[in-house]
Amino acid sequence: MRCNECRAPSGHAPRGGAQAGFTLLELLITVVVMGVLAAIAVPSFEALVQGQHNSDITSQFAQDLAWAQGEALTGHTVQMTLAADGSWSVTELSYDSSTQKTTTSVVSGHSLTPTQLQSDAPGVSCTVVGTGGKTGSCAATLSFSSTGIVSGGPVGVVEYTTGTTTSSFQVFASGSLVPNPSYAS
């Protein structure tokens, strides 16, 4: 019986045979190549994460807007206040006929506080791009009629920006929200 690869009893290669392993030069080249690949990938990954944060905020706003509109359709008086920093609160107004006072209660499950906003998307900013490309504050109070019509909304496209990524939407009087609208007219 012939053996093409004879091993010594200890499991090592016989003397004079090829040794397995890497040279220091091969290891350094591998580390440099991995460093270059990481330098290319990290900024792209950061932009991807920032874009996802912005998209999540836009999606949550759309869900809370739809909820507020649905509540208005069932006869509740609802307002959605968008703050200059991009956070928002949904409030229900109720009238107590015995005290003849209106009470306002924040619906925390459909609101996003400034702390939650910065936690969800650190460094995010909010602007409204109106006609002619003019920018303004996101601050607005949206009121919903019993037919679901929205009044008082921001006039223009609301943009959430984190780093170099931007996510946008526009709210129409019908209560519909269009994500990433085109600026073309």
N, C-alpha and C. Protein backbone atom coordinates (compact mmCIF):
# COMPACT_ATOMS: atom_id res chain seq x y z
N MET A 1 0.83 -1.16 0.00
CA MET A 1 0.00 0.00 0.00
C MET A 1 0.88 1.24 0.00
N ARG A 2 0.60 2.14 -0.91
CA ARG A 2 1.37 3.37 -1.03
C ARG A 2 0.60 4.54 -0.44
N CYS A 3 1.30 5.43 0.15
CA CYS A 3 0.68 6.61 0.76
C CYS A 3 1.27 7.86 0.12
N ASN A 4 0.42 8.66 -0.50
CA ASN A 4 0.90 9.88 -1.16
C ASN A 4 1.29 10.95 -0.15
N GLU A 5 0.59 11.01 0.95
CA GLU A 5 0.89 11.99 1.99
C GLU A 5 1.16 11.25 3.28
N CYS A 6 2.33 10.90 3.48
CA CYS A 6 2.69 10.18 4.70
C CYS A 6 2.90 11.18 5.81
N ARG A 7 2.37 10.91 6.94
CA ARG A 7 2.50 11.75 8.12
C ARG A 7 3.32 11.00 9.15
N ALA A 8 4.04 11.78 9.87
CA ALA A 8 4.77 11.19 10.98
C ALA A 8 3.77 10.82 12.05
N PRO A 9 4.09 9.93 12.95
CA PRO A 9 3.14 9.50 13.98
C PRO A 9 2.59 10.66 14.81
N SER A 10 3.31 11.74 14.94
CA SER A 10 2.81 12.85 15.75
C SER A 10 1.78 13.68 15.01
N GLY A 11 1.54 13.44 13.73
CA GLY A 11 0.57 14.20 12.95
C GLY A 11 1.20 15.36 12.21
N HIS A 12 2.49 15.61 12.37
CA HIS A 12 3.16 16.70 11.68
C HIS A 12 3.61 16.24 10.31
N ALA A 13 3.84 17.18 9.41
CA ALA A 13 4.33 16.85 8.07
C ALA A 13 5.77 16.34 8.19
N PRO A 14 6.12 15.48 7.30
CA PRO A 14 7.50 14.98 7.35
C PRO A 14 8.50 16.10 7.09
N ARG A 15 9.74 15.90 7.54
CA ARG A 15 10.79 16.91 7.35
C ARG A 15 10.98 17.21 5.88
N GLY A 16 11.18 18.47 5.59
CA GLY A 16 11.41 18.88 4.22
C GLY A 16 10.13 19.10 3.45
N GLY A 17 8.95 18.80 4.02
CA GLY A 17 7.66 18.99 3.35
C GLY A 17 7.21 20.43 3.47
N ALA A 18 6.14 20.78 2.76
CA ALA A 18 5.60 22.14 2.79
C ALA A 18 4.93 22.40 4.12
N GLN A 19 5.14 23.59 4.66
CA GLN A 19 4.52 24.00 5.92
C GLN A 19 3.24 24.79 5.59
N ALA A 20 2.16 24.55 6.32
CA ALA A 20 0.91 25.29 6.13
C ALA A 20 0.95 26.54 6.99
N GLY A 21 0.35 27.66 6.52
CA GLY A 21 0.30 28.88 7.31
C GLY A 21 0.45 30.10 6.43
N PHE A 22 0.43 31.28 7.08
CA PHE A 22 0.54 32.54 6.37
C PHE A 22 1.86 33.20 6.73
N THR A 23 2.39 33.91 5.78
CA THR A 23 3.57 34.72 6.08
C THR A 23 3.10 36.05 6.64
N LEU A 24 3.98 36.78 7.27
CA LEU A 24 3.63 38.08 7.82
C LEU A 24 3.18 39.03 6.72
N LEU A 25 3.78 38.97 5.58
CA LEU A 25 3.41 39.82 4.45
C LEU A 25 1.98 39.52 3.98
N GLU A 26 1.64 38.26 3.87
CA GLU A 26 0.27 37.88 3.46
C GLU A 26 -0.75 38.38 4.48
N LEU A 27 -0.42 38.26 5.74
CA LEU A 27 -1.33 38.72 6.79
C LEU A 27 -1.51 40.23 6.73
N LEU A 28 -0.45 41.00 6.53
CA LEU A 28 -0.54 42.45 6.43
C LEU A 28 -1.36 42.88 5.23
N ILE A 29 -1.16 42.23 4.10
CA ILE A 29 -1.94 42.56 2.90
C ILE A 29 -3.41 42.30 3.14
N THR A 30 -3.75 41.21 3.79
CA THR A 30 -5.14 40.88 4.11
C THR A 30 -5.75 41.94 5.02
N VAL A 31 -5.02 42.37 6.05
CA VAL A 31 -5.52 43.39 6.97
C VAL A 31 -5.73 44.71 6.24
N VAL A 32 -4.82 45.10 5.35
CA VAL A 32 -4.96 46.35 4.60
C VAL A 32 -6.18 46.28 3.67
N VAL A 33 -6.36 45.18 2.99
CA VAL A 33 -7.52 45.02 2.09
C VAL A 33 -8.82 45.10 2.89
N MET A 34 -8.87 44.44 4.04
CA MET A 34 -10.07 44.49 4.87
C MET A 34 -10.33 45.91 5.38
N GLY A 35 -9.26 46.65 5.70
CA GLY A 35 -9.41 48.04 6.14
C GLY A 35 -9.98 48.92 5.05
N VAL A 36 -9.51 48.74 3.83
CA VAL A 36 -10.01 49.52 2.69
C VAL A 36 -11.48 49.20 2.45
N LEU A 37 -11.84 47.93 2.48
CA LEU A 37 -13.24 47.53 2.29
C LEU A 37 -14.13 48.11 3.39
N ALA A 38 -13.65 48.09 4.63
CA ALA A 38 -14.43 48.66 5.74
C ALA A 38 -14.59 50.17 5.56
N ALA A 39 -13.54 50.85 5.11
CA ALA A 39 -13.62 52.30 4.90
C ALA A 39 -14.64 52.65 3.82
N ILE A 40 -14.81 51.78 2.87
CA ILE A 40 -15.80 52.00 1.82
C ILE A 40 -17.20 51.67 2.32
N ALA A 41 -17.33 50.60 3.08
CA ALA A 41 -18.64 50.10 3.50
C ALA A 41 -19.27 50.90 4.63
N VAL A 42 -18.48 51.40 5.58
CA VAL A 42 -19.04 52.06 6.76
C VAL A 42 -19.88 53.29 6.41
N PRO A 43 -19.41 54.22 5.57
CA PRO A 43 -20.27 55.37 5.23
C PRO A 43 -21.57 54.95 4.54
N SER A 44 -21.50 53.96 3.69
CA SER A 44 -22.71 53.48 3.02
C SER A 44 -23.68 52.88 4.03
N PHE A 45 -23.15 52.16 4.98
CA PHE A 45 -24.00 51.55 6.02
C PHE A 45 -24.62 52.62 6.90
N GLU A 46 -23.84 53.66 7.26
CA GLU A 46 -24.37 54.75 8.06
C GLU A 46 -25.50 55.46 7.32
N ALA A 47 -25.33 55.71 6.03
CA ALA A 47 -26.37 56.36 5.24
C ALA A 47 -27.62 55.48 5.18
N LEU A 48 -27.43 54.18 5.07
CA LEU A 48 -28.55 53.25 5.06
C LEU A 48 -29.32 53.30 6.38
N VAL A 49 -28.61 53.32 7.49
CA VAL A 49 -29.24 53.38 8.81
C VAL A 49 -29.97 54.70 8.98
N GLN A 50 -29.34 55.82 8.59
CA GLN A 50 -29.98 57.12 8.71
C GLN A 50 -31.25 57.18 7.85
N GLY A 51 -31.17 56.66 6.65
CA GLY A 51 -32.34 56.64 5.77
C GLY A 51 -33.47 55.82 6.36
N GLN A 52 -33.13 54.71 7.01
CA GLN A 52 -34.15 53.86 7.64
C GLN A 52 -34.81 54.60 8.81
N HIS A 53 -34.00 55.34 9.60
CA HIS A 53 -34.57 56.12 10.70
C HIS A 53 -35.57 57.14 10.17
N ASN A 54 -35.18 57.88 9.13
CA ASN A 54 -36.07 58.88 8.55
C ASN A 54 -37.34 58.24 8.01
N SER A 55 -37.19 57.11 7.35
CA SER A 55 -38.34 56.39 6.78
C SER A 55 -39.27 55.91 7.90
N ASP A 56 -38.69 55.44 9.00
CA ASP A 56 -39.50 54.98 10.14
C ASP A 56 -40.32 56.13 10.72
N ILE A 57 -39.70 57.32 10.83
CA ILE A 57 -40.41 58.48 11.37
C ILE A 57 -41.56 58.86 10.45
N THR A 58 -41.30 58.90 9.15
CA THR A 58 -42.34 59.23 8.18
C THR A 58 -43.49 58.22 8.25
N SER A 59 -43.16 56.96 8.36
CA SER A 59 -44.17 55.91 8.44
C SER A 59 -45.00 56.05 9.72
N GLN A 60 -44.33 56.33 10.84
CA GLN A 60 -45.05 56.49 12.10
C GLN A 60 -45.96 57.71 12.05
N PHE A 61 -45.49 58.79 11.43
CA PHE A 61 -46.33 59.98 11.28
C PHE A 61 -47.58 59.64 10.47
N ALA A 62 -47.40 58.91 9.39
CA ALA A 62 -48.53 58.52 8.53
C ALA A 62 -49.54 57.68 9.31
N GLN A 63 -49.06 56.76 10.12
CA GLN A 63 -49.96 55.92 10.92
C GLN A 63 -50.72 56.75 11.94
N ASP A 64 -50.02 57.66 12.62
CA ASP A 64 -50.69 58.50 13.62
C ASP A 64 -51.66 59.47 12.97
N LEU A 65 -51.33 59.98 11.79
CA LEU A 65 -52.24 60.85 11.04
C LEU A 65 -53.51 60.08 10.67
N ALA A 66 -53.35 58.85 10.19
CA ALA A 66 -54.51 58.03 9.81
C ALA A 66 -55.37 57.71 11.04
N TRP A 67 -54.72 57.45 12.17
CA TRP A 67 -55.47 57.17 13.40
C TRP A 67 -56.29 58.39 13.81
N ALA A 68 -55.66 59.58 13.79
CA ALA A 68 -56.35 60.82 14.17
C ALA A 68 -57.52 61.09 13.23
N GLN A 69 -57.31 60.85 11.96
CA GLN A 69 -58.38 61.06 10.98
C GLN A 69 -59.52 60.08 11.24
N GLY A 70 -59.18 58.84 11.55
CA GLY A 70 -60.21 57.85 11.87
C GLY A 70 -61.01 58.21 13.10
N GLU A 71 -60.33 58.74 14.11
CA GLU A 71 -61.02 59.17 15.33
C GLU A 71 -61.97 60.33 15.02
N ALA A 72 -61.54 61.24 14.16
CA ALA A 72 -62.40 62.37 13.79
C ALA A 72 -63.64 61.88 13.06
N LEU A 73 -63.47 60.84 12.25
CA LEU A 73 -64.62 60.29 11.51
C LEU A 73 -65.64 59.64 12.43
N THR A 74 -65.20 59.21 13.62
CA THR A 74 -66.14 58.60 14.59
C THR A 74 -66.77 59.63 15.50
N GLY A 75 -66.49 60.92 15.25
CA GLY A 75 -67.15 61.98 16.01
C GLY A 75 -66.29 62.62 17.09
N HIS A 76 -65.06 62.18 17.26
CA HIS A 76 -64.18 62.80 18.25
C HIS A 76 -63.51 64.04 17.65
N THR A 77 -63.22 65.01 18.50
CA THR A 77 -62.50 66.19 18.07
C THR A 77 -61.01 65.92 18.32
N VAL A 78 -60.23 65.92 17.26
CA VAL A 78 -58.83 65.53 17.35
C VAL A 78 -57.97 66.60 16.68
N GLN A 79 -56.80 66.85 17.28
CA GLN A 79 -55.81 67.74 16.68
C GLN A 79 -54.46 67.03 16.72
N MET A 80 -53.65 67.33 15.74
CA MET A 80 -52.29 66.80 15.68
C MET A 80 -51.36 68.00 15.56
N THR A 81 -50.49 68.17 16.54
CA THR A 81 -49.59 69.31 16.56
C THR A 81 -48.18 68.86 16.20
N LEU A 82 -47.66 69.39 15.11
CA LEU A 82 -46.32 69.10 14.64
C LEU A 82 -45.42 70.22 15.14
N ALA A 83 -44.41 69.86 15.94
CA ALA A 83 -43.50 70.86 16.52
C ALA A 83 -42.39 71.20 15.53
N ALA A 84 -41.70 72.29 15.79
CA ALA A 84 -40.62 72.75 14.91
C ALA A 84 -39.49 71.73 14.81
N ASP A 85 -39.28 70.93 15.87
CA ASP A 85 -38.20 69.95 15.84
C ASP A 85 -38.59 68.66 15.12
N GLY A 86 -39.86 68.54 14.71
CA GLY A 86 -40.32 67.36 13.99
C GLY A 86 -41.11 66.38 14.84
N SER A 87 -41.12 66.59 16.15
CA SER A 87 -41.94 65.72 17.01
C SER A 87 -43.41 66.14 16.86
N TRP A 88 -44.31 65.31 17.34
CA TRP A 88 -45.73 65.65 17.24
C TRP A 88 -46.50 65.06 18.41
N SER A 89 -47.67 65.65 18.64
CA SER A 89 -48.57 65.11 19.67
C SER A 89 -49.99 65.13 19.10
N VAL A 90 -50.70 64.07 19.42
CA VAL A 90 -52.11 63.96 19.03
C VAL A 90 -52.92 64.19 20.29
N THR A 91 -53.89 65.09 20.22
CA THR A 91 -54.74 65.38 21.38
C THR A 91 -56.20 65.20 21.01
N GLU A 92 -56.95 64.72 21.97
CA GLU A 92 -58.40 64.63 21.82
C GLU A 92 -59.02 65.70 22.70
N LEU A 93 -59.95 66.43 22.13
CA LEU A 93 -60.66 67.48 22.86
C LEU A 93 -62.05 66.96 23.22
N SER A 94 -62.43 67.18 24.45
CA SER A 94 -63.78 66.79 24.84
C SER A 94 -64.41 67.92 25.64
N TYR A 95 -65.71 68.07 25.44
CA TYR A 95 -66.44 69.14 26.10
C TYR A 95 -67.29 68.54 27.20
N ASP A 96 -67.13 69.07 28.40
CA ASP A 96 -67.93 68.63 29.55
C ASP A 96 -69.05 69.65 29.73
N SER A 97 -70.28 69.24 29.42
CA SER A 97 -71.41 70.18 29.46
C SER A 97 -71.76 70.60 30.89
N SER A 98 -71.44 69.76 31.87
CA SER A 98 -71.77 70.13 33.26
C SER A 98 -70.86 71.26 33.76
N THR A 99 -69.58 71.24 33.38
CA THR A 99 -68.66 72.30 33.80
C THR A 99 -68.48 73.35 32.71
N GLN A 100 -69.01 73.07 31.54
CA GLN A 100 -68.89 73.94 30.38
C GLN A 100 -67.43 74.27 30.07
N LYS A 101 -66.58 73.22 30.16
CA LYS A 101 -65.17 73.39 29.87
C LYS A 101 -64.72 72.32 28.87
N THR A 102 -63.76 72.71 28.07
CA THR A 102 -63.16 71.78 27.13
C THR A 102 -61.87 71.24 27.75
N THR A 103 -61.73 69.93 27.74
CA THR A 103 -60.50 69.33 28.26
C THR A 103 -59.72 68.73 27.09
N THR A 104 -58.43 68.78 27.24
CA THR A 104 -57.54 68.27 26.20
C THR A 104 -56.69 67.16 26.81
N SER A 105 -56.64 66.02 26.14
CA SER A 105 -55.79 64.92 26.62
C SER A 105 -54.91 64.43 25.48
N VAL A 106 -53.62 64.30 25.78
CA VAL A 106 -52.65 63.82 24.80
C VAL A 106 -52.79 62.31 24.67
N VAL A 107 -52.83 61.83 23.45
CA VAL A 107 -52.88 60.40 23.17
C VAL A 107 -51.43 59.95 22.98
N SER A 108 -50.83 59.45 24.06
CA SER A 108 -49.39 59.16 24.03
C SER A 108 -49.03 58.06 23.04
N GLY A 109 -49.93 57.13 22.80
CA GLY A 109 -49.65 56.05 21.85
C GLY A 109 -49.58 56.51 20.40
N HIS A 110 -50.04 57.74 20.15
CA HIS A 110 -50.01 58.28 18.78
C HIS A 110 -49.30 59.63 18.74
N SER A 111 -48.32 59.78 19.64
CA SER A 111 -47.52 60.99 19.70
C SER A 111 -46.05 60.59 19.73
N LEU A 112 -45.19 61.50 19.32
CA LEU A 112 -43.75 61.27 19.34
C LEU A 112 -43.10 62.47 20.01
N THR A 113 -42.58 62.25 21.22
CA THR A 113 -41.96 63.35 21.98
C THR A 113 -40.61 63.70 21.39
N PRO A 114 -40.08 64.90 21.70
CA PRO A 114 -38.74 65.25 21.22
C PRO A 114 -37.67 64.24 21.67
N THR A 115 -37.81 63.73 22.89
CA THR A 115 -36.84 62.73 23.38
C THR A 115 -36.92 61.46 22.56
N GLN A 116 -38.14 60.99 22.28
CA GLN A 116 -38.30 59.79 21.46
C GLN A 116 -37.77 60.02 20.04
N LEU A 117 -38.02 61.20 19.51
CA LEU A 117 -37.55 61.53 18.16
C LEU A 117 -36.03 61.45 18.08
N GLN A 118 -35.33 62.08 19.03
CA GLN A 118 -33.87 62.06 19.01
C GLN A 118 -33.31 60.68 19.33
N SER A 119 -34.07 59.90 20.10
CA SER A 119 -33.65 58.52 20.38
C SER A 119 -33.79 57.65 19.14
N ASP A 120 -34.89 57.84 18.42
CA ASP A 120 -35.15 57.05 17.20
C ASP A 120 -34.25 57.47 16.04
N ALA A 121 -33.96 58.76 15.95
CA ALA A 121 -33.15 59.28 14.84
C ALA A 121 -32.25 60.40 15.36
N PRO A 122 -31.12 60.03 15.96
CA PRO A 122 -30.23 61.06 16.53
C PRO A 122 -29.81 62.09 15.49
N GLY A 123 -29.93 63.37 15.86
CA GLY A 123 -29.50 64.45 14.98
C GLY A 123 -30.50 64.81 13.89
N VAL A 124 -31.71 64.28 13.95
CA VAL A 124 -32.69 64.56 12.90
C VAL A 124 -33.15 66.01 12.98
N SER A 125 -33.44 66.59 11.83
CA SER A 125 -34.02 67.93 11.77
C SER A 125 -35.22 67.88 10.84
N CYS A 126 -36.11 68.85 11.02
CA CYS A 126 -37.34 68.89 10.24
C CYS A 126 -37.51 70.27 9.61
N THR A 127 -37.82 70.30 8.33
CA THR A 127 -38.11 71.54 7.64
C THR A 127 -39.28 71.32 6.69
N VAL A 128 -39.90 72.40 6.29
CA VAL A 128 -40.97 72.34 5.30
C VAL A 128 -40.49 73.11 4.08
N VAL A 129 -40.52 72.45 2.93
CA VAL A 129 -40.13 73.09 1.68
C VAL A 129 -41.42 73.48 0.97
N GLY A 130 -41.61 74.78 0.82
CA GLY A 130 -42.82 75.29 0.20
C GLY A 130 -42.60 75.62 -1.27
N THR A 131 -43.51 76.40 -1.80
CA THR A 131 -43.42 76.78 -3.21
C THR A 131 -42.19 77.66 -3.42
N GLY A 132 -41.57 77.48 -4.54
CA GLY A 132 -40.38 78.25 -4.86
C GLY A 132 -39.14 77.76 -4.13
N GLY A 133 -39.26 76.61 -3.45
CA GLY A 133 -38.11 76.05 -2.75
C GLY A 133 -37.81 76.70 -1.42
N LYS A 134 -38.68 77.58 -0.93
CA LYS A 134 -38.45 78.26 0.34
C LYS A 134 -38.67 77.27 1.48
N THR A 135 -37.80 77.34 2.47
CA THR A 135 -37.94 76.44 3.62
C THR A 135 -38.48 77.19 4.82
N GLY A 136 -39.17 76.44 5.67
CA GLY A 136 -39.75 77.02 6.87
C GLY A 136 -39.80 75.98 7.97
N SER A 137 -40.42 76.35 9.05
CA SER A 137 -40.52 75.51 10.24
C SER A 137 -41.59 74.43 10.03
N CYS A 138 -41.40 73.32 10.71
CA CYS A 138 -42.38 72.23 10.65
C CYS A 138 -43.59 72.49 11.53
N ALA A 139 -43.52 73.51 12.37
CA ALA A 139 -44.59 73.77 13.33
C ALA A 139 -45.92 74.00 12.63
N ALA A 140 -46.92 73.21 13.02
CA ALA A 140 -48.27 73.34 12.46
C ALA A 140 -49.23 72.57 13.36
N THR A 141 -50.49 72.98 13.34
CA THR A 141 -51.53 72.25 14.08
C THR A 141 -52.57 71.80 13.08
N LEU A 142 -52.68 70.49 12.93
CA LEU A 142 -53.63 69.90 12.00
C LEU A 142 -54.92 69.61 12.76
N SER A 143 -56.01 70.11 12.24
CA SER A 143 -57.33 69.84 12.82
C SER A 143 -58.10 68.98 11.84
N PHE A 144 -58.90 68.06 12.37
CA PHE A 144 -59.65 67.12 11.54
C PHE A 144 -61.13 67.36 11.71
N SER A 145 -61.84 67.48 10.59
CA SER A 145 -63.29 67.65 10.66
C SER A 145 -63.94 66.28 10.81
N SER A 146 -65.24 66.28 11.05
CA SER A 146 -65.97 65.02 11.21
C SER A 146 -66.06 64.24 9.89
N THR A 147 -65.68 64.89 8.78
CA THR A 147 -65.64 64.19 7.49
C THR A 147 -64.22 63.78 7.12
N GLY A 148 -63.25 64.04 8.03
CA GLY A 148 -61.88 63.62 7.80
C GLY A 148 -61.02 64.63 7.07
N ILE A 149 -61.57 65.80 6.78
CA ILE A 149 -60.79 66.83 6.09
C ILE A 149 -59.79 67.45 7.08
N VAL A 150 -58.56 67.68 6.61
CA VAL A 150 -57.50 68.24 7.44
C VAL A 150 -57.32 69.71 7.12
N SER A 151 -57.25 70.51 8.17
CA SER A 151 -56.94 71.94 7.97
C SER A 151 -55.77 72.30 8.88
N GLY A 152 -55.04 73.32 8.49
CA GLY A 152 -53.92 73.79 9.30
C GLY A 152 -52.63 73.02 9.11
N GLY A 153 -52.59 72.14 8.13
CA GLY A 153 -51.39 71.34 7.89
C GLY A 153 -50.26 72.18 7.33
N PRO A 154 -49.03 71.66 7.40
CA PRO A 154 -47.91 72.41 6.82
C PRO A 154 -48.09 72.56 5.31
N VAL A 155 -47.85 73.75 4.81
CA VAL A 155 -48.01 74.02 3.39
C VAL A 155 -46.68 73.74 2.70
N GLY A 156 -46.59 72.60 2.07
CA GLY A 156 -45.37 72.20 1.40
C GLY A 156 -44.99 70.78 1.77
N VAL A 157 -43.77 70.43 1.50
CA VAL A 157 -43.26 69.09 1.73
C VAL A 157 -42.47 69.08 3.04
N VAL A 158 -42.84 68.19 3.95
CA VAL A 158 -42.14 68.05 5.22
C VAL A 158 -40.94 67.13 4.99
N GLU A 159 -39.75 67.61 5.38
CA GLU A 159 -38.53 66.82 5.18
C GLU A 159 -37.86 66.54 6.52
N TYR A 160 -37.59 65.26 6.77
CA TYR A 160 -36.78 64.85 7.91
C TYR A 160 -35.40 64.52 7.38
N THR A 161 -34.37 65.17 7.95
CA THR A 161 -33.00 64.97 7.48
C THR A 161 -32.12 64.52 8.63
N THR A 162 -31.39 63.44 8.39
CA THR A 162 -30.38 62.95 9.33
C THR A 162 -29.10 62.77 8.53
N GLY A 163 -28.07 63.50 8.92
CA GLY A 163 -26.82 63.40 8.16
C GLY A 163 -27.04 63.85 6.73
N THR A 164 -26.79 62.95 5.80
CA THR A 164 -26.94 63.29 4.38
C THR A 164 -28.20 62.70 3.76
N THR A 165 -29.05 62.06 4.56
CA THR A 165 -30.24 61.42 4.01
C THR A 165 -31.50 62.20 4.39
N THR A 166 -32.45 62.23 3.48
CA THR A 166 -33.70 62.95 3.68
C THR A 166 -34.87 62.06 3.31
N SER A 167 -35.90 62.12 4.13
CA SER A 167 -37.16 61.44 3.86
C SER A 167 -38.25 62.51 3.92
N SER A 168 -39.20 62.45 3.02
CA SER A 168 -40.19 63.53 2.97
C SER A 168 -41.60 63.00 2.76
N PHE A 169 -42.57 63.86 3.05
CA PHE A 169 -43.97 63.55 2.79
C PHE A 169 -44.74 64.86 2.67
N GLN A 170 -45.92 64.77 2.10
CA GLN A 170 -46.80 65.92 2.00
C GLN A 170 -48.19 65.51 2.44
N VAL A 171 -48.83 66.36 3.25
CA VAL A 171 -50.18 66.11 3.75
C VAL A 171 -51.14 66.99 2.96
N PHE A 172 -52.18 66.37 2.42
CA PHE A 172 -53.19 67.12 1.67
C PHE A 172 -54.44 67.30 2.52
N ALA A 173 -55.28 68.26 2.14
CA ALA A 173 -56.49 68.55 2.90
C ALA A 173 -57.40 67.34 3.01
N SER A 174 -57.32 66.43 2.06
CA SER A 174 -58.15 65.22 2.11
C SER A 174 -57.72 64.29 3.23
N GLY A 175 -56.56 64.57 3.82
CA GLY A 175 -56.04 63.71 4.87
C GLY A 175 -55.08 62.66 4.34
N SER A 176 -54.92 62.63 3.02
CA SER A 176 -53.97 61.66 2.47
C SER A 176 -52.55 62.19 2.63
N LEU A 177 -51.65 61.27 2.82
CA LEU A 177 -50.24 61.59 2.99
C LEU A 177 -49.49 60.92 1.86
N VAL A 178 -48.68 61.69 1.14
CA VAL A 178 -47.91 61.16 0.03
C VAL A 178 -46.45 61.14 0.45
N PRO A 179 -45.84 59.95 0.59
CA PRO A 179 -44.43 59.89 0.93
C PRO A 179 -43.55 60.23 -0.26
N ASN A 180 -42.45 60.89 0.00
CA ASN A 180 -41.44 61.26 -1.01
C ASN A 180 -42.07 61.86 -2.27
N PRO A 181 -42.84 62.93 -2.13
CA PRO A 181 -43.48 63.54 -3.31
C PRO A 181 -42.46 64.20 -4.21
N SER A 182 -42.80 64.32 -5.47
CA SER A 182 -41.94 64.98 -6.43
C SER A 182 -42.18 66.49 -6.33
N TYR A 183 -41.12 67.24 -6.53
CA TYR A 183 -41.25 68.69 -6.50
C TYR A 183 -41.69 69.26 -7.83
N ALA A 184 -41.77 68.41 -8.85
CA ALA A 184 -42.16 68.88 -10.18
C ALA A 184 -43.61 69.30 -10.17
N SER A 185 -43.92 70.34 -10.91
CA SER A 185 -45.32 70.77 -10.97
C SER A 185 -45.87 70.57 -12.35
